[in-house]
Amino acid sequence: MKDDSVMSPWEPVPDGPRHRDTLRPRAKEVIVRGVTLGLLATLLLAVLGLAGGLGIYAYYARSLPSPEELYERSLAFKSTRIYDRNGQLLFEIMDPFGGRRVVVRYGDIPQVMIQAVVATEDATFFANPGVNPIAIARALYRDLRSGEFTQGGSTITQQLVKNVYLSPDRTLERKIKEAILSAEITRRYSKGEILELYLNEVYFGNLAYGIGAAAETYFGKEVSDLTLPEAALLTGLLQAPALYDPYTRPEAALARREDVLRLMHERGYIDDAQMEEAANAPLGIVPLKMVSEAPHMVAFVREQLEQMYGTEMLYRGGLQVYTTLDLNMQHLAEEVAREKIVELRQFNATNSALVAMDPRNGDVLALLGSVDFYDDTIDGQVDVSRRLRQPGSTIKPIAYLSAMERGWTAGTMLMDVMQEFPDGANPPYRPHNYDKKEMGPISLRASLAMSRNITAVSTLYQVGMPTFLEMAQRLGIESLTRPDYGLSIVLGGGDVTLMEMTSVFGAFANGGHRVTPRTILRIEDQEGNVILKNEEPMLPQVI
């Protein structure tokens, strides 16, 4: 028999006061129970979601590199710069697979540059935890609708992580890794450090990596001197350096600059007047150029650096190399060489070389390996100053010096008359003076001053070849290594280098102290630490 007092909450309720009173507590009970179950389900889902998120975080975080490696991984290369002794740039050695990079510190970056980048690339940069959830959700929604992961939503920190740590693949897995690392980096580094690394890492086009190289490339100035329109132009390049290249697409570059200025205005960084003035400013870029001074000196120094530190450090280590060269003296040497070659062209002279050395310490102040580095008709890129050439009569003083060590003096009398000297199995050697004349008895001093050939050969014959070669080596000549030199060596019959002969005469000018050519004063690493000091060279007494 059915009990009318027990009713299902889903059965129709008869009308009447008694039945309405019975409904109210039961309905309330059902509602409370439903809300409770809903809350519990929501909480459970939240816990499961949190656990899943933590699991995903732990899974990917385990295989990710440490955020502490950020400084090590960033700035993968920095250009090596070679300067003259006064700090004037001679050449910048770039990574052949990279470009130019000049590292700058956060404190040197002007406020307008920081504001332009933040306004354009990541408006919430100074407040977000490394990721922007709203931007990510918006990008994810668009990706899901399009069916592929193409949307951005990346913060500045995420862009840095992508450049330094991860591949550019557009996958969900990579985006998850990117977000995790960005959060960790934000937790461990200040916003200033992150922005500094970012602005030193990003590419601005035309081989300029980092804001320091970009400021020099496009405006020929230090980053600290950038103005508002210049900062806006450089910021605009970050999105697409080739598309907004001011050299090839100036109209596009100006339009993009206006976009950046508008965003800065919307974020409250600049007012109406500043925006209008900057938008009307000219492009202001300088011509693209590559500084290349004293190319033979630069090549010589590069060889030494590669031997000292290796190729990797040379091209990517950011060395700051201060050479012994005086650029003003170098320019004077180049000018004089050009003038003299014009005068001597009637005698079929086409090339010349020059080494200017400080005899007190061996510093090479000017080095000219050819009259024109870029003239292929004279093989201008060949450094004649370090190639073996016959020295002519400039080697005669070594023979006289060898004799003076054996007791001869400047007044010792020599016979400038036709003489014959034995030459092994060959016929006797009969040297002639350049004027085909003989002067008879003549002092050593006069013989040297007038560059007489016969007396020079006679002197070498008397002191002996071993003594002559030992003196030459003592003075810095290392090229005379053949075992079959004849007496004609004193007239220039043996090959030496101009650099060696300059060292020989440096010893004459320095009281008999051997002068070794020096081309590098000091070297600093990319942090400004001196790794090769400017120390006084050893100058052994050799004569």
Protein backbone atom coordinates (compact mmCIF):
# COMPACT_ATOMS: atom_id res chain seq x y z
CA MET A 1 0.00 0.00 0.00
CA LYS A 2 1.42 3.30 -1.00
CA ASP A 3 2.32 5.80 1.70
CA ASP A 4 1.04 9.21 0.67
CA SER A 5 3.26 10.92 3.22
CA VAL A 6 6.45 9.99 1.33
CA MET A 7 6.75 11.69 -2.04
CA SER A 8 9.54 11.92 -4.59
CA PRO A 9 10.84 15.45 -4.98
CA TRP A 10 10.26 15.06 -8.71
CA GLU A 11 6.60 13.98 -8.51
CA PRO A 12 3.94 16.54 -9.29
CA VAL A 13 2.79 18.21 -6.10
CA PRO A 14 -0.92 18.49 -5.53
CA ASP A 15 -2.21 21.90 -5.00
CA GLY A 16 -3.01 23.05 -1.55
CA PRO A 17 -1.44 24.73 1.46
CA ARG A 18 -0.29 21.54 3.12
CA HIS A 19 1.53 20.33 0.02
CA ARG A 20 3.17 23.72 -0.61
CA ASP A 21 4.52 23.73 2.94
CA THR A 22 5.95 20.24 2.42
CA LEU A 23 7.70 21.31 -0.82
CA ARG A 24 9.68 24.20 0.54
CA PRO A 25 12.11 22.38 2.91
CA ARG A 26 12.67 19.54 0.48
CA ALA A 27 13.44 21.87 -2.44
CA LYS A 28 15.80 23.86 -0.29
CA GLU A 29 17.56 20.67 0.69
CA VAL A 30 18.00 19.68 -2.95
CA ILE A 31 19.34 23.13 -3.89
CA VAL A 32 21.81 23.15 -0.99
CA ARG A 33 22.92 19.65 -1.85
CA GLY A 34 23.39 20.62 -5.53
CA VAL A 35 25.34 23.76 -4.71
CA THR A 36 27.53 21.81 -2.30
CA LEU A 37 28.22 19.11 -4.86
CA GLY A 38 28.94 21.82 -7.46
CA LEU A 39 31.38 23.54 -5.17
CA LEU A 40 33.06 20.28 -4.30
CA ALA A 41 33.32 19.39 -7.99
CA THR A 42 34.74 22.82 -8.79
CA LEU A 43 37.23 22.52 -5.96
CA LEU A 44 38.16 19.05 -7.09
CA LEU A 45 38.66 20.24 -10.64
CA ALA A 46 40.74 23.17 -9.37
CA VAL A 47 42.88 20.80 -7.29
CA LEU A 48 43.24 18.44 -10.22
CA GLY A 49 44.05 21.38 -12.49
CA LEU A 50 46.59 22.70 -10.02
CA ALA A 51 48.10 19.26 -9.62
CA GLY A 52 48.15 18.83 -13.38
CA GLY A 53 49.72 22.25 -13.82
CA LEU A 54 52.34 21.49 -11.19
CA GLY A 55 52.96 18.16 -12.84
CA ILE A 56 53.40 19.77 -16.23
CA TYR A 57 55.62 22.42 -14.65
CA ALA A 58 57.75 19.78 -12.93
CA TYR A 59 57.91 17.63 -16.06
CA TYR A 60 59.19 20.41 -18.30
CA ALA A 61 61.20 22.26 -15.65
CA ARG A 62 63.23 19.13 -15.03
CA SER A 63 64.59 19.17 -18.57
CA LEU A 64 65.06 22.93 -18.88
CA PRO A 65 68.42 24.71 -18.48
CA SER A 66 69.06 26.62 -15.29
CA PRO A 67 68.01 30.29 -15.26
CA GLU A 68 71.42 31.02 -13.72
CA GLU A 69 72.90 30.26 -17.15
CA LEU A 70 71.19 33.31 -18.63
CA TYR A 71 74.28 35.51 -18.65
CA GLU A 72 76.43 32.67 -19.95
CA ARG A 73 74.07 31.84 -22.79
CA SER A 74 73.16 35.39 -23.77
CA LEU A 75 75.45 37.60 -25.80
CA ALA A 76 76.75 34.53 -27.65
CA PHE A 77 79.20 36.77 -29.45
CA LYS A 78 80.59 40.25 -29.20
CA SER A 79 82.74 41.97 -31.80
CA THR A 80 86.46 42.38 -31.18
CA ARG A 81 87.61 45.95 -31.71
CA ILE A 82 91.10 47.07 -32.63
CA TYR A 83 92.14 50.63 -31.75
CA ASP A 84 95.19 52.80 -32.23
CA ARG A 85 97.21 53.86 -29.19
CA ASN A 86 94.91 56.86 -28.63
CA GLY A 87 91.64 54.92 -28.75
CA GLN A 88 90.68 55.63 -32.36
CA LEU A 89 88.92 52.67 -33.95
CA LEU A 90 90.92 50.90 -36.66
CA PHE A 91 88.73 47.89 -37.33
CA GLU A 92 85.95 45.76 -35.88
CA ILE A 93 86.30 42.00 -36.24
CA MET A 94 82.86 40.50 -36.67
CA ASP A 95 81.69 36.95 -36.29
CA PRO A 96 81.48 35.70 -39.92
CA PHE A 97 78.22 33.92 -39.00
CA GLY A 98 76.86 36.79 -36.91
CA GLY A 99 77.50 40.51 -37.01
CA ARG A 100 78.45 43.44 -34.80
CA ARG A 101 77.66 43.62 -31.12
CA VAL A 102 78.64 46.28 -28.57
CA VAL A 103 77.45 45.38 -25.08
CA VAL A 104 75.95 48.27 -23.08
CA ARG A 105 74.80 48.46 -19.47
CA TYR A 106 71.28 49.29 -18.34
CA GLY A 107 72.42 52.57 -16.83
CA ASP A 108 73.69 53.73 -20.24
CA ILE A 109 70.38 53.12 -22.03
CA PRO A 110 68.35 56.37 -22.22
CA GLN A 111 64.86 56.45 -20.74
CA VAL A 112 63.25 57.14 -24.13
CA MET A 113 64.68 53.89 -25.46
CA ILE A 114 63.38 51.90 -22.50
CA GLN A 115 59.95 53.52 -22.79
CA ALA A 116 59.75 52.94 -26.54
CA VAL A 117 60.61 49.24 -26.22
CA VAL A 118 58.26 48.61 -23.29
CA ALA A 119 55.38 50.49 -24.90
CA THR A 120 55.78 48.58 -28.15
CA GLU A 121 56.91 45.11 -27.13
CA ASP A 122 55.44 44.52 -23.65
CA ALA A 123 53.30 47.21 -22.01
CA THR A 124 53.02 45.22 -18.73
CA PHE A 125 56.73 44.40 -18.57
CA PHE A 126 57.46 46.07 -15.23
CA ALA A 127 54.40 44.47 -13.58
CA ASN A 128 54.02 41.02 -15.13
CA PRO A 129 55.60 37.82 -13.69
CA GLY A 130 57.40 37.05 -16.92
CA VAL A 131 54.24 36.06 -18.78
CA ASN A 132 51.06 37.91 -19.62
CA PRO A 133 48.12 35.52 -18.99
CA ILE A 134 45.61 37.73 -20.81
CA ALA A 135 47.79 38.02 -23.89
CA ILE A 136 48.50 34.28 -23.81
CA ALA A 137 44.78 33.46 -23.53
CA ARG A 138 43.95 35.80 -26.41
CA ALA A 139 46.74 34.30 -28.56
CA LEU A 140 45.67 30.75 -27.63
CA TYR A 141 42.07 31.49 -28.60
CA ARG A 142 43.19 32.77 -32.00
CA ASP A 143 45.50 29.79 -32.44
CA LEU A 144 42.71 27.33 -31.68
CA ARG A 145 40.43 29.04 -34.15
CA SER A 146 43.09 29.02 -36.86
CA GLY A 147 44.22 25.47 -36.09
CA GLU A 148 47.92 26.32 -35.81
CA PHE A 149 50.20 28.06 -33.31
CA THR A 150 51.13 31.33 -34.96
CA GLN A 151 50.03 34.05 -32.56
CA GLY A 152 52.52 35.82 -30.33
CA GLY A 153 51.47 36.97 -26.89
CA SER A 154 55.12 36.94 -25.80
CA THR A 155 56.46 39.28 -23.17
CA ILE A 156 59.95 40.76 -23.37
CA THR A 157 61.11 38.06 -20.96
CA GLN A 158 59.63 35.34 -23.16
CA GLN A 159 61.33 36.82 -26.22
CA LEU A 160 64.64 36.77 -24.36
CA VAL A 161 64.09 33.15 -23.36
CA LYS A 162 63.27 32.21 -26.95
CA ASN A 163 66.40 33.90 -28.27
CA VAL A 164 68.75 32.56 -25.61
CA TYR A 165 67.44 29.14 -24.63
CA LEU A 166 64.94 27.69 -27.06
CA SER A 167 64.41 27.00 -30.72
CA PRO A 168 62.07 29.23 -32.78
CA ASP A 169 59.65 26.31 -33.33
CA ARG A 170 56.01 27.32 -32.92
CA THR A 171 54.65 24.43 -30.87
CA LEU A 172 52.58 24.22 -27.71
CA GLU A 173 55.36 22.36 -25.92
CA ARG A 174 57.88 25.09 -26.67
CA LYS A 175 55.44 27.79 -25.49
CA ILE A 176 55.00 25.93 -22.19
CA LYS A 177 58.76 25.71 -21.71
CA GLU A 178 59.06 29.37 -22.62
CA ALA A 179 56.48 30.40 -20.01
CA ILE A 180 58.10 28.30 -17.27
CA LEU A 181 61.57 29.67 -17.91
CA SER A 182 60.23 33.22 -18.16
CA ALA A 183 58.58 32.91 -14.76
CA GLU A 184 61.76 31.53 -13.22
CA ILE A 185 63.95 34.21 -14.76
CA THR A 186 61.61 36.96 -13.53
CA ARG A 187 61.83 35.46 -10.05
CA ARG A 188 65.63 35.45 -10.07
CA TYR A 189 66.58 38.57 -12.07
CA SER A 190 65.57 42.20 -11.79
CA LYS A 191 63.58 43.86 -14.54
CA GLY A 192 66.59 46.05 -15.32
CA GLU A 193 68.82 43.02 -15.80
CA ILE A 194 66.27 41.33 -18.06
CA LEU A 195 65.80 44.43 -20.20
CA GLU A 196 69.56 44.96 -20.45
CA LEU A 197 70.09 41.41 -21.67
CA TYR A 198 67.17 41.68 -24.08
CA LEU A 199 68.40 44.92 -25.66
CA ASN A 200 71.92 43.53 -26.01
CA GLU A 201 70.62 40.32 -27.59
CA VAL A 202 68.03 41.37 -30.19
CA TYR A 203 68.78 41.95 -33.87
CA PHE A 204 68.25 45.40 -35.41
CA GLY A 205 69.25 44.59 -38.98
CA ASN A 206 72.31 45.46 -41.07
CA LEU A 207 74.52 43.13 -38.97
CA ALA A 208 73.75 45.12 -35.81
CA TYR A 209 73.07 42.90 -32.80
CA GLY A 210 72.09 44.78 -29.66
CA ILE A 211 71.21 48.39 -29.07
CA GLY A 212 74.85 49.50 -28.81
CA ALA A 213 75.75 48.34 -32.33
CA ALA A 214 72.41 49.61 -33.65
CA ALA A 215 73.00 53.14 -32.33
CA GLU A 216 76.41 53.23 -33.99
CA THR A 217 75.26 51.65 -37.25
CA TYR A 218 72.19 53.80 -37.88
CA PHE A 219 73.08 57.08 -36.14
CA GLY A 220 76.85 56.99 -35.59
CA LYS A 221 76.57 57.68 -31.87
CA GLU A 222 76.69 56.13 -28.43
CA VAL A 223 73.47 54.58 -27.17
CA SER A 224 73.30 57.10 -24.31
CA ASP A 225 72.95 59.93 -26.85
CA LEU A 226 69.86 58.57 -28.62
CA THR A 227 66.95 60.99 -29.01
CA LEU A 228 63.22 60.22 -28.94
CA PRO A 229 62.76 59.88 -32.75
CA GLU A 230 65.93 57.78 -32.97
CA ALA A 231 64.81 55.48 -30.16
CA ALA A 232 61.39 55.09 -31.80
CA LEU A 233 62.98 54.23 -35.16
CA LEU A 234 65.25 51.58 -33.63
CA THR A 235 62.39 50.08 -31.63
CA GLY A 236 60.34 49.79 -34.79
CA LEU A 237 63.04 47.63 -36.36
CA LEU A 238 62.59 44.88 -33.76
CA GLN A 239 59.42 43.56 -35.36
CA ALA A 240 60.92 43.13 -38.84
CA PRO A 241 64.41 44.61 -39.45
CA ALA A 242 64.35 43.96 -43.21
CA LEU A 243 60.77 45.18 -43.73
CA TYR A 244 61.46 48.47 -41.93
CA ASP A 245 65.09 48.94 -43.02
CA PRO A 246 65.53 52.74 -43.21
CA TYR A 247 68.19 52.39 -45.93
CA THR A 248 66.11 50.37 -48.36
CA ARG A 249 62.55 51.21 -47.21
CA PRO A 250 62.66 54.69 -45.64
CA GLU A 251 58.90 55.30 -45.99
CA ALA A 252 58.10 52.05 -44.18
CA ALA A 253 60.62 52.90 -41.47
CA LEU A 254 59.02 56.31 -40.89
CA ALA A 255 55.53 54.79 -40.77
CA ARG A 256 56.68 52.22 -38.25
CA ARG A 257 58.31 54.97 -36.20
CA GLU A 258 54.95 56.73 -36.02
CA ASP A 259 53.36 53.52 -34.73
CA VAL A 260 55.90 53.35 -31.92
CA LEU A 261 55.39 57.02 -31.04
CA ARG A 262 51.62 56.49 -30.96
CA LEU A 263 52.01 53.56 -28.57
CA MET A 264 54.31 55.62 -26.35
CA HIS A 265 51.69 58.36 -26.30
CA GLU A 266 48.91 55.91 -25.43
CA ARG A 267 50.98 54.57 -22.52
CA GLY A 268 51.54 58.09 -21.23
CA TYR A 269 55.29 58.22 -21.87
CA ILE A 270 55.14 61.27 -24.16
CA ASP A 271 52.66 64.10 -24.65
CA ASP A 272 51.04 65.44 -27.81
CA ALA A 273 53.78 67.96 -28.53
CA GLN A 274 56.58 65.42 -28.15
CA MET A 275 54.82 62.92 -30.38
CA GLU A 276 54.22 65.49 -33.11
CA GLU A 277 57.78 66.84 -33.00
CA ALA A 278 59.31 63.35 -33.13
CA ALA A 279 56.98 62.22 -35.91
CA ASN A 280 58.06 65.19 -38.06
CA ALA A 281 61.78 64.68 -37.43
CA PRO A 282 63.88 63.60 -40.44
CA LEU A 283 65.07 60.01 -40.73
CA GLY A 284 68.49 61.11 -39.49
CA ILE A 285 70.43 57.97 -40.33
CA VAL A 286 74.12 58.04 -41.28
CA PRO A 287 75.52 56.24 -44.35
CA LEU A 288 76.42 52.60 -43.79
CA LYS A 289 80.16 52.29 -43.51
CA MET A 290 82.81 49.93 -42.29
CA VAL A 291 85.75 51.52 -40.49
CA SER A 292 88.98 50.08 -41.91
CA GLU A 293 92.15 51.93 -41.03
CA ALA A 294 95.74 50.68 -41.37
CA PRO A 295 94.64 47.36 -42.90
CA HIS A 296 98.09 45.74 -42.89
CA MET A 297 98.59 46.59 -39.22
CA VAL A 298 95.14 45.21 -38.43
CA ALA A 299 95.93 41.98 -40.29
CA PHE A 300 99.21 41.62 -38.37
CA VAL A 301 97.47 42.14 -35.04
CA ARG A 302 94.69 39.70 -35.96
CA GLU A 303 97.28 37.01 -36.64
CA GLN A 304 98.81 37.57 -33.22
CA LEU A 305 95.43 37.53 -31.46
CA GLU A 306 94.46 34.28 -33.13
CA GLN A 307 97.73 32.69 -32.01
CA MET A 308 97.26 34.01 -28.46
CA TYR A 309 93.55 33.33 -27.88
CA GLY A 310 92.23 31.20 -30.73
CA THR A 311 89.63 31.81 -33.41
CA GLU A 312 86.59 31.60 -31.13
CA MET A 313 87.82 34.37 -28.84
CA LEU A 314 88.96 36.50 -31.78
CA TYR A 315 85.58 36.53 -33.52
CA ARG A 316 83.17 36.21 -30.60
CA GLY A 317 85.05 37.22 -27.45
CA GLY A 318 84.53 40.99 -27.53
CA LEU A 319 88.20 41.83 -27.01
CA GLN A 320 89.19 45.49 -26.89
CA VAL A 321 92.68 45.65 -28.40
CA TYR A 322 94.79 48.80 -28.13
CA THR A 323 97.68 48.76 -30.60
CA THR A 324 100.90 50.76 -30.70
CA LEU A 325 99.86 52.47 -33.93
CA ASP A 326 99.49 56.26 -34.08
CA LEU A 327 96.71 56.82 -36.61
CA ASN A 328 97.82 60.38 -37.39
CA MET A 329 101.32 59.15 -38.17
CA GLN A 330 99.81 56.31 -40.21
CA HIS A 331 97.85 58.76 -42.36
CA LEU A 332 101.02 60.81 -42.90
CA ALA A 333 102.91 57.67 -43.97
CA GLU A 334 100.17 56.76 -46.45
CA GLU A 335 100.18 60.27 -47.92
CA VAL A 336 103.96 60.41 -48.31
CA ALA A 337 104.07 56.95 -49.89
CA ARG A 338 101.48 57.95 -52.49
CA GLU A 339 103.37 61.12 -53.33
CA LYS A 340 106.72 59.36 -53.69
CA ILE A 341 105.34 56.63 -55.91
CA VAL A 342 104.03 59.29 -58.29
CA GLU A 343 107.52 60.83 -58.41
CA LEU A 344 109.23 57.47 -58.94
CA ARG A 345 106.81 56.10 -61.52
CA GLN A 346 109.20 57.13 -64.30
CA PHE A 347 111.63 54.56 -62.90
CA ASN A 348 108.92 51.86 -63.01
CA ALA A 349 108.35 51.99 -59.26
CA THR A 350 104.79 50.87 -58.45
CA ASN A 351 104.77 50.00 -54.77
CA SER A 352 106.33 50.87 -51.43
CA ALA A 353 106.27 49.81 -47.79
CA LEU A 354 107.08 51.60 -44.57
CA VAL A 355 107.61 50.75 -40.91
CA ALA A 356 107.96 53.54 -38.34
CA MET A 357 109.15 52.26 -34.96
CA ASP A 358 109.93 53.93 -31.64
CA PRO A 359 113.52 52.79 -30.92
CA ARG A 360 113.02 53.23 -27.18
CA ASN A 361 110.54 50.38 -26.89
CA GLY A 362 109.88 48.83 -30.30
CA ASP A 363 106.38 50.29 -30.67
CA VAL A 364 105.28 50.18 -34.31
CA LEU A 365 103.82 53.65 -34.84
CA ALA A 366 103.01 53.27 -38.53
CA LEU A 367 102.93 50.25 -40.81
CA LEU A 368 102.37 50.41 -44.53
CA GLY A 369 102.49 47.06 -46.29
CA SER A 370 101.78 48.54 -49.71
CA VAL A 371 100.97 51.91 -51.20
CA ASP A 372 97.34 50.89 -51.74
CA PHE A 373 95.77 47.92 -49.92
CA TYR A 374 92.90 47.77 -52.42
CA ASP A 375 94.95 47.89 -55.64
CA ASP A 376 95.02 44.37 -57.10
CA THR A 377 97.42 45.37 -59.87
CA ILE A 378 100.23 45.63 -57.29
CA ASP A 379 98.90 42.86 -55.03
CA GLY A 380 98.14 45.59 -52.53
CA GLN A 381 96.88 43.22 -49.84
CA VAL A 382 100.30 41.58 -49.60
CA ASP A 383 102.18 43.05 -46.63
CA VAL A 384 105.60 43.78 -48.13
CA SER A 385 106.89 44.95 -44.75
CA ARG A 386 106.86 41.31 -43.61
CA ARG A 387 107.80 39.65 -46.89
CA LEU A 388 111.34 38.61 -47.72
CA ARG A 389 113.07 41.17 -49.89
CA GLN A 390 116.68 42.03 -50.67
CA PRO A 391 117.74 44.91 -48.41
CA GLY A 392 120.43 46.38 -50.67
CA SER A 393 123.08 48.45 -48.98
CA THR A 394 121.03 48.93 -45.80
CA ILE A 395 122.63 45.73 -44.44
CA LYS A 396 126.21 47.02 -44.76
CA PRO A 397 126.32 48.52 -41.22
CA ILE A 398 126.13 44.98 -39.77
CA ALA A 399 129.45 44.09 -41.44
CA TYR A 400 131.14 47.25 -40.15
CA LEU A 401 129.70 46.73 -36.66
CA SER A 402 131.08 43.18 -36.64
CA ALA A 403 134.50 44.58 -37.50
CA MET A 404 134.31 47.31 -34.84
CA GLU A 405 133.67 44.66 -32.20
CA ARG A 406 137.05 43.19 -33.26
CA GLY A 407 138.83 46.49 -32.68
CA TRP A 408 138.21 48.51 -35.81
CA THR A 409 137.18 52.14 -35.44
CA ALA A 410 135.41 54.71 -37.55
CA GLY A 411 138.87 55.91 -38.62
CA THR A 412 140.19 52.54 -39.73
CA MET A 413 141.48 52.86 -43.28
CA LEU A 414 140.09 50.61 -45.99
CA MET A 415 141.16 50.18 -49.61
CA ASP A 416 138.54 51.10 -52.17
CA VAL A 417 140.32 49.52 -55.11
CA MET A 418 139.44 46.65 -57.44
CA GLN A 419 139.86 43.39 -55.54
CA GLU A 420 139.16 39.71 -56.09
CA PHE A 421 137.80 37.40 -53.40
CA PRO A 422 137.74 33.60 -53.49
CA ASP A 423 134.33 32.07 -54.06
CA GLY A 424 134.78 28.35 -53.60
CA ALA A 425 134.61 26.42 -56.85
CA ASN A 426 133.34 29.50 -58.68
CA PRO A 427 135.56 32.11 -60.28
CA PRO A 428 136.82 34.82 -57.94
CA TYR A 429 134.21 37.40 -56.89
CA ARG A 430 134.98 40.92 -58.16
CA PRO A 431 132.55 43.51 -56.70
CA HIS A 432 132.10 46.95 -58.25
CA ASN A 433 130.97 50.24 -56.79
CA TYR A 434 127.69 51.65 -58.05
CA ASP A 435 129.56 54.52 -59.83
CA LYS A 436 132.12 52.12 -61.35
CA LYS A 437 134.94 54.10 -59.70
CA GLU A 438 137.45 53.46 -56.93
CA MET A 439 138.52 56.04 -54.33
CA GLY A 440 141.65 54.38 -52.99
CA PRO A 441 142.36 54.61 -49.25
CA ILE A 442 139.19 55.60 -47.40
CA SER A 443 138.10 55.55 -43.76
CA LEU A 444 135.43 53.18 -42.48
CA ARG A 445 133.29 56.21 -41.70
CA ALA A 446 133.52 57.53 -45.27
CA SER A 447 133.04 54.08 -46.75
CA LEU A 448 129.78 53.65 -44.87
CA ALA A 449 128.60 57.20 -45.55
CA MET A 450 129.19 56.85 -49.30
CA SER A 451 128.01 53.21 -49.41
CA ARG A 452 131.09 51.86 -51.16
CA ASN A 453 130.63 48.26 -52.27
CA ILE A 454 134.22 47.05 -52.55
CA THR A 455 135.19 48.08 -49.02
CA ALA A 456 132.01 46.51 -47.59
CA VAL A 457 132.80 43.16 -49.24
CA SER A 458 136.41 43.41 -48.07
CA THR A 459 135.23 44.03 -44.51
CA LEU A 460 132.91 41.01 -44.57
CA TYR A 461 135.69 38.85 -46.01
CA GLN A 462 137.97 39.80 -43.13
CA VAL A 463 135.44 39.33 -40.27
CA GLY A 464 134.01 36.13 -41.75
CA MET A 465 130.51 35.01 -42.62
CA PRO A 466 129.74 33.31 -39.26
CA THR A 467 130.56 36.51 -37.37
CA PHE A 468 128.39 38.57 -39.70
CA LEU A 469 125.42 36.20 -39.43
CA GLU A 470 125.73 36.02 -35.64
CA MET A 471 125.65 39.83 -35.42
CA ALA A 472 122.63 39.98 -37.73
CA GLN A 473 120.76 37.48 -35.56
CA ARG A 474 121.75 39.32 -32.42
CA LEU A 475 120.20 42.52 -33.81
CA GLY A 476 116.90 40.82 -34.67
CA ILE A 477 117.28 39.33 -38.15
CA GLU A 478 115.94 35.78 -38.17
CA SER A 479 115.52 35.26 -41.91
CA LEU A 480 119.18 34.65 -42.86
CA THR A 481 119.13 30.90 -42.36
CA ARG A 482 120.62 29.48 -45.57
CA PRO A 483 124.02 27.77 -45.32
CA ASP A 484 125.31 28.93 -48.73
CA TYR A 485 125.49 32.72 -48.54
CA GLY A 486 128.33 34.36 -50.43
CA LEU A 487 130.06 37.69 -49.91
CA SER A 488 127.40 39.44 -51.96
CA ILE A 489 125.13 39.17 -48.92
CA VAL A 490 126.67 42.40 -47.65
CA LEU A 491 125.38 44.13 -50.79
CA GLY A 492 121.86 42.83 -50.21
CA GLY A 493 122.17 39.33 -51.65
CA GLY A 494 120.22 37.72 -48.78
CA ASP A 495 116.48 38.09 -48.20
CA VAL A 496 115.22 39.78 -45.02
CA THR A 497 112.09 41.70 -44.04
CA LEU A 498 111.62 45.43 -43.66
CA MET A 499 110.35 44.82 -40.12
CA GLU A 500 113.64 43.10 -39.24
CA MET A 501 115.77 45.84 -40.76
CA THR A 502 113.79 48.48 -38.85
CA SER A 503 114.60 46.59 -35.62
CA VAL A 504 118.31 46.59 -36.54
CA PHE A 505 118.39 50.35 -36.97
CA GLY A 506 116.32 50.71 -33.80
CA ALA A 507 119.14 49.07 -31.87
CA PHE A 508 121.61 51.52 -33.45
CA ALA A 509 119.44 54.39 -32.21
CA ASN A 510 118.91 52.89 -28.75
CA GLY A 511 122.49 52.55 -27.55
CA GLY A 512 122.90 48.95 -28.67
CA HIS A 513 119.74 47.57 -27.01
CA ARG A 514 117.88 45.07 -29.17
CA VAL A 515 114.46 46.40 -30.15
CA THR A 516 111.74 43.80 -30.77
CA PRO A 517 108.76 45.11 -32.78
CA ARG A 518 105.69 45.53 -30.60
CA THR A 519 102.20 46.07 -32.03
CA ILE A 520 99.88 45.57 -29.01
CA LEU A 521 99.83 47.83 -25.95
CA ARG A 522 97.05 46.20 -23.95
CA ILE A 523 93.99 43.99 -24.31
CA GLU A 524 90.74 44.11 -22.34
CA ASP A 525 88.00 41.48 -22.27
CA GLN A 526 84.35 42.37 -22.92
CA GLU A 527 83.89 43.25 -19.25
CA GLY A 528 86.73 45.77 -19.34
CA ASN A 529 89.18 43.60 -17.40
CA VAL A 530 92.78 43.99 -18.57
CA ILE A 531 94.08 40.61 -19.74
CA LEU A 532 97.29 41.89 -21.34
CA LYS A 533 99.00 44.78 -19.57
CA ASN A 534 101.02 47.57 -21.09
CA GLU A 535 104.42 46.70 -19.66
CA GLU A 536 107.80 48.04 -20.60
CA PRO A 537 109.45 45.58 -23.01
CA MET A 538 112.75 43.85 -22.35
CA LEU A 539 115.56 45.55 -24.28
CA PRO A 540 118.69 43.39 -23.94
CA GLN A 541 122.07 44.97 -24.59
CA VAL A 542 123.37 43.27 -27.74
CA ILE A 543 126.15 45.62 -28.90
